[in-house]
Every structure is written in C-alpha cells, then in structure tokens.
Amino acid sequence: MKIKLVRSWIGCSPRQRRVLAALGLKRPGRVKEVKDNAAMRGMIAVVPHMIEVIS
C-alpha cells in the first residue's frame, strides 16, 4: 500500500509527529510504500487528515 504526505507537520501534535516519523514520511509530497496490515492501518487512522492512501 502506498501513502503520500499531503500536509506539513507544522502545527500537529507530538503524537502525530511520532506516527509520521514511524511511517517514514518527512516532507509533503513524498510517497512511501508500507505493508498492508493492522498496525499500519492503525497508524494511518491517527493521521488521516494529513496523508492520502494511494493503493
């Protein structure tokens, strides 16, 4: 599954920053491929307003 960071980290909570760092998303526009499992879906559920799931 591919995820893309569409909003900046500026103004987000420390928890959201940790989740984005764990997903490997550092800059807006970056796309990262992650495994499709329950752990990743839980992390995506924490920051759905900041990322876009491509596939």
PDB file of N, CA and C in Angstrom:
ATOM      1  N   MET A   1       0.855  -1.152   0.000  1.00  0.00           N
ATOM      2  CA  MET A   1       0.000   0.000   0.000  1.00  0.00           C
ATOM      3  C   MET A   1       0.913   1.230   0.000  1.00  0.00           C
ATOM      4  N   LYS A   2       0.570   2.224  -0.795  1.00  0.00           N
ATOM      5  CA  LYS A   2       1.352   3.443  -0.880  1.00  0.00           C
ATOM      6  C   LYS A   2       0.615   4.571  -0.178  1.00  0.00           C
ATOM      7  N   ILE A   3       1.376   5.363   0.586  1.00  0.00           N
ATOM      8  CA  ILE A   3       0.810   6.507   1.269  1.00  0.00           C
ATOM      9  C   ILE A   3       1.619   7.750   0.908  1.00  0.00           C
ATOM     10  N   LYS A   4       0.937   8.881   0.875  1.00  0.00           N
ATOM     11  CA  LYS A   4       1.570  10.136   0.490  1.00  0.00           C
ATOM     12  C   LYS A   4       1.247  11.194   1.538  1.00  0.00           C
ATOM     13  N   LEU A   5       2.259  11.940   1.960  1.00  0.00           N
ATOM     14  CA  LEU A   5       2.062  13.029   2.903  1.00  0.00           C
ATOM     15  C   LEU A   5       1.584  14.247   2.123  1.00  0.00           C
ATOM     16  N   VAL A   6       0.394  14.749   2.447  1.00  0.00           N
ATOM     17  CA  VAL A   6      -0.172  15.876   1.706  1.00  0.00           C
ATOM     18  C   VAL A   6      -0.185  17.168   2.513  1.00  0.00           C
ATOM     19  N   ARG A   7       0.046  17.095   3.823  1.00  0.00           N
ATOM     20  CA  ARG A   7       0.104  18.296   4.660  1.00  0.00           C
ATOM     21  C   ARG A   7       1.385  18.272   5.481  1.00  0.00           C
ATOM     22  N   SER A   8       1.845  19.452   5.839  1.00  0.00           N
ATOM     23  CA  SER A   8       3.072  19.597   6.603  1.00  0.00           C
ATOM     24  C   SER A   8       2.875  19.175   8.064  1.00  0.00           C
ATOM     25  N   TRP A   9       4.000  18.889   8.722  1.00  0.00           N
ATOM     26  CA  TRP A   9       3.986  18.551  10.146  1.00  0.00           C
ATOM     27  C   TRP A   9       3.709  19.764  11.015  1.00  0.00           C
ATOM     28  N   ILE A  10       3.815  20.968  10.460  1.00  0.00           N
ATOM     29  CA  ILE A  10       3.682  22.193  11.252  1.00  0.00           C
ATOM     30  C   ILE A  10       2.299  22.253  11.891  1.00  0.00           C
ATOM     31  N   GLY A  11       2.274  22.432  13.199  1.00  0.00           N
ATOM     32  CA  GLY A  11       1.026  22.568  13.930  1.00  0.00           C
ATOM     33  C   GLY A  11       0.406  21.267  14.393  1.00  0.00           C
ATOM     34  N   CYS A  12       1.018  20.138  14.098  1.00  0.00           N
ATOM     35  CA  CYS A  12       0.425  18.869  14.541  1.00  0.00           C
ATOM     36  C   CYS A  12       0.953  18.505  15.931  1.00  0.00           C
ATOM     37  N   SER A  13       0.281  17.580  16.562  1.00  0.00           N
ATOM     38  CA  SER A  13       0.641  17.193  17.923  1.00  0.00           C
ATOM     39  C   SER A  13       1.891  16.305  17.918  1.00  0.00           C
ATOM     40  N   PRO A  14       2.562  16.192  19.057  1.00  0.00           N
ATOM     41  CA  PRO A  14       3.745  15.322  19.142  1.00  0.00           C
ATOM     42  C   PRO A  14       3.441  13.863  18.800  1.00  0.00           C
ATOM     43  N   ARG A  15       2.247  13.396  19.164  1.00  0.00           N
ATOM     44  CA  ARG A  15       1.873  12.015  18.833  1.00  0.00           C
ATOM     45  C   ARG A  15       1.800  11.825  17.320  1.00  0.00           C
ATOM     46  N   GLN A  16       1.194  12.789  16.639  1.00  0.00           N
ATOM     47  CA  GLN A  16       1.088  12.712  15.187  1.00  0.00           C
ATOM     48  C   GLN A  16       2.469  12.781  14.534  1.00  0.00           C
ATOM     49  N   ARG A  17       3.371  13.579  15.086  1.00  0.00           N
ATOM     50  CA  ARG A  17       4.738  13.657  14.567  1.00  0.00           C
ATOM     51  C   ARG A  17       5.444  12.310  14.680  1.00  0.00           C
ATOM     52  N   ARG A  18       5.249  11.644  15.822  1.00  0.00           N
ATOM     53  CA  ARG A  18       5.877  10.323  16.010  1.00  0.00           C
ATOM     54  C   ARG A  18       5.338   9.307  15.016  1.00  0.00           C
ATOM     55  N   VAL A  19       4.035   9.350  14.763  1.00  0.00           N
ATOM     56  CA  VAL A  19       3.417   8.421  13.810  1.00  0.00           C
ATOM     57  C   VAL A  19       3.951   8.672  12.405  1.00  0.00           C
ATOM     58  N   LEU A  20       4.031   9.925  11.991  1.00  0.00           N
ATOM     59  CA  LEU A  20       4.541  10.250  10.658  1.00  0.00           C
ATOM     60  C   LEU A  20       6.000   9.838  10.516  1.00  0.00           C
ATOM     61  N   ALA A  21       6.789  10.020  11.566  1.00  0.00           N
ATOM     62  CA  ALA A  21       8.189   9.600  11.524  1.00  0.00           C
ATOM     63  C   ALA A  21       8.290   8.084  11.414  1.00  0.00           C
ATOM     64  N   ALA A  22       7.434   7.373  12.128  1.00  0.00           N
ATOM     65  CA  ALA A  22       7.439   5.909  12.074  1.00  0.00           C
ATOM     66  C   ALA A  22       7.006   5.396  10.698  1.00  0.00           C
ATOM     67  N   LEU A  23       6.124   6.144  10.039  1.00  0.00           N
ATOM     68  CA  LEU A  23       5.707   5.773   8.688  1.00  0.00           C
ATOM     69  C   LEU A  23       6.769   6.120   7.650  1.00  0.00           C
ATOM     70  N   GLY A  24       7.738   6.944   8.037  1.00  0.00           N
ATOM     71  CA  GLY A  24       8.807   7.320   7.125  1.00  0.00           C
ATOM     72  C   GLY A  24       8.474   8.491   6.227  1.00  0.00           C
ATOM     73  N   LEU A  25       7.490   9.287   6.622  1.00  0.00           N
ATOM     74  CA  LEU A  25       7.081  10.446   5.826  1.00  0.00           C
ATOM     75  C   LEU A  25       7.677  11.707   6.438  1.00  0.00           C
ATOM     76  N   LYS A  26       8.596  12.338   5.712  1.00  0.00           N
ATOM     77  CA  LYS A  26       9.283  13.500   6.259  1.00  0.00           C
ATOM     78  C   LYS A  26       8.861  14.806   5.618  1.00  0.00           C
ATOM     79  N   ARG A  27       8.603  14.804   4.316  1.00  0.00           N
ATOM     80  CA  ARG A  27       8.256  16.048   3.623  1.00  0.00           C
ATOM     81  C   ARG A  27       6.972  15.858   2.824  1.00  0.00           C
ATOM     82  N   PRO A  28       6.176  16.911   2.702  1.00  0.00           N
ATOM     83  CA  PRO A  28       4.952  16.820   1.892  1.00  0.00           C
ATOM     84  C   PRO A  28       5.279  16.437   0.450  1.00  0.00           C
ATOM     85  N   GLY A  29       4.432  15.589  -0.107  1.00  0.00           N
ATOM     86  CA  GLY A  29       4.623  15.137  -1.477  1.00  0.00           C
ATOM     87  C   GLY A  29       5.374  13.827  -1.579  1.00  0.00           C
ATOM     88  N   ARG A  30       5.972  13.381  -0.497  1.00  0.00           N
ATOM     89  CA  ARG A  30       6.725  12.130  -0.505  1.00  0.00           C
ATOM     90  C   ARG A  30       5.766  10.943  -0.455  1.00  0.00           C
ATOM     91  N   VAL A  31       6.114   9.908  -1.201  1.00  0.00           N
ATOM     92  CA  VAL A  31       5.311   8.690  -1.231  1.00  0.00           C
ATOM     93  C   VAL A  31       6.146   7.561  -0.636  1.00  0.00           C
ATOM     94  N   LYS A  32       5.529   6.769   0.207  1.00  0.00           N
ATOM     95  CA  LYS A  32       6.207   5.657   0.864  1.00  0.00           C
ATOM     96  C   LYS A  32       5.349   4.410   0.714  1.00  0.00           C
ATOM     97  N   GLU A  33       5.976   3.289   0.451  1.00  0.00           N
ATOM     98  CA  GLU A  33       5.248   2.033   0.359  1.00  0.00           C
ATOM     99  C   GLU A  33       5.386   1.290   1.686  1.00  0.00           C
ATOM    100  N   VAL A  34       4.251   0.898   2.257  1.00  0.00           N
ATOM    101  CA  VAL A  34       4.227   0.182   3.532  1.00  0.00           C
ATOM    102  C   VAL A  34       3.393  -1.087   3.373  1.00  0.00           C
ATOM    103  N   LYS A  35       3.612  -2.018   4.288  1.00  0.00           N
ATOM    104  CA  LYS A  35       2.834  -3.256   4.273  1.00  0.00           C
ATOM    105  C   LYS A  35       1.391  -2.966   4.673  1.00  0.00           C
ATOM    106  N   ASP A  36       0.478  -3.713   4.109  1.00  0.00           N
ATOM    107  CA  ASP A  36      -0.940  -3.550   4.441  1.00  0.00           C
ATOM    108  C   ASP A  36      -1.286  -4.528   5.559  1.00  0.00           C
ATOM    109  N   ASN A  37      -1.144  -4.051   6.805  1.00  0.00           N
ATOM    110  CA  ASN A  37      -1.508  -4.889   7.947  1.00  0.00           C
ATOM    111  C   ASN A  37      -2.203  -4.019   8.996  1.00  0.00           C
ATOM    112  N   ALA A  38      -2.626  -4.626  10.054  1.00  0.00           N
ATOM    113  CA  ALA A  38      -3.408  -3.918  11.071  1.00  0.00           C
ATOM    114  C   ALA A  38      -2.614  -2.802  11.742  1.00  0.00           C
ATOM    115  N   ALA A  39      -1.332  -3.004  11.960  1.00  0.00           N
ATOM    116  CA  ALA A  39      -0.507  -1.990  12.611  1.00  0.00           C
ATOM    117  C   ALA A  39      -0.420  -0.732  11.751  1.00  0.00           C
ATOM    118  N   MET A  40      -0.182  -0.909  10.476  1.00  0.00           N
ATOM    119  CA  MET A  40      -0.079   0.242   9.577  1.00  0.00           C
ATOM    120  C   MET A  40      -1.418   0.957   9.424  1.00  0.00           C
ATOM    121  N   ARG A  41      -2.502   0.195   9.359  1.00  0.00           N
ATOM    122  CA  ARG A  41      -3.827   0.815   9.247  1.00  0.00           C
ATOM    123  C   ARG A  41      -4.161   1.615  10.505  1.00  0.00           C
ATOM    124  N   GLY A  42      -3.717   1.140  11.663  1.00  0.00           N
ATOM    125  CA  GLY A  42      -3.916   1.881  12.905  1.00  0.00           C
ATOM    126  C   GLY A  42      -3.140   3.180  12.912  1.00  0.00           C
ATOM    127  N   MET A  43      -1.917   3.156  12.386  1.00  0.00           N
ATOM    128  CA  MET A  43      -1.103   4.364  12.313  1.00  0.00           C
ATOM    129  C   MET A  43      -1.718   5.366  11.335  1.00  0.00           C
ATOM    130  N   ILE A  44      -2.233   4.856  10.227  1.00  0.00           N
ATOM    131  CA  ILE A  44      -2.879   5.721   9.235  1.00  0.00           C
ATOM    132  C   ILE A  44      -4.135   6.348   9.825  1.00  0.00           C
ATOM    133  N   ALA A  45      -4.827   5.626  10.700  1.00  0.00           N
ATOM    134  CA  ALA A  45      -6.055   6.142  11.311  1.00  0.00           C
ATOM    135  C   ALA A  45      -5.781   7.303  12.256  1.00  0.00           C
ATOM    136  N   VAL A  46      -4.545   7.442  12.734  1.00  0.00           N
ATOM    137  CA  VAL A  46      -4.196   8.539  13.635  1.00  0.00           C
ATOM    138  C   VAL A  46      -4.045   9.855  12.860  1.00  0.00           C
ATOM    139  N   VAL A  47      -3.597   9.778  11.597  1.00  0.00           N
ATOM    140  CA  VAL A  47      -3.333  10.992  10.817  1.00  0.00           C
ATOM    141  C   VAL A  47      -4.029  10.966   9.453  1.00  0.00           C
ATOM    142  N   PRO A  48      -5.325  10.661   9.386  1.00  0.00           N
ATOM    143  CA  PRO A  48      -5.973  10.561   8.068  1.00  0.00           C
ATOM    144  C   PRO A  48      -6.097  11.898   7.357  1.00  0.00           C
ATOM    145  N   HIS A  49      -6.087  12.992   8.110  1.00  0.00           N
ATOM    146  CA  HIS A  49      -6.223  14.330   7.528  1.00  0.00           C
ATOM    147  C   HIS A  49      -4.916  14.834   6.934  1.00  0.00           C
ATOM    148  N   MET A  50      -3.823  14.132   7.173  1.00  0.00           N
ATOM    149  CA  MET A  50      -2.517  14.577   6.695  1.00  0.00           C
ATOM    150  C   MET A  50      -1.951  13.728   5.570  1.00  0.00           C
ATOM    151  N   ILE A  51      -2.512  12.548   5.366  1.00  0.00           N
ATOM    152  CA  ILE A  51      -1.975  11.648   4.355  1.00  0.00           C
ATOM    153  C   ILE A  51      -3.054  11.232   3.368  1.00  0.00           C
ATOM    154  N   GLU A  52      -2.612  10.667   2.272  1.00  0.00           N
ATOM    155  CA  GLU A  52      -3.505  10.141   1.246  1.00  0.00           C
ATOM    156  C   GLU A  52      -3.051   8.722   0.935  1.00  0.00           C
ATOM    157  N   VAL A  53      -3.981   7.789   0.984  1.00  0.00           N
ATOM    158  CA  VAL A  53      -3.655   6.395   0.655  1.00  0.00           C
ATOM    159  C   VAL A  53      -3.868   6.227  -0.840  1.00  0.00           C
ATOM    160  N   ILE A  54      -2.795   5.846  -1.548  1.00  0.00           N
ATOM    161  CA  ILE A  54      -2.852   5.735  -2.997  1.00  0.00           C
ATOM    162  C   ILE A  54      -3.343   4.350  -3.405  1.00  0.00           C
ATOM    163  N   SER A  55      -2.761   3.319  -2.824  1.00  0.00           N
ATOM    164  CA  SER A  55      -3.217   1.955  -3.157  1.00  0.00           C
ATOM    165  C   SER A  55      -2.925   1.002  -2.035  1.00  0.00           C
TER     166      SER A  55
END
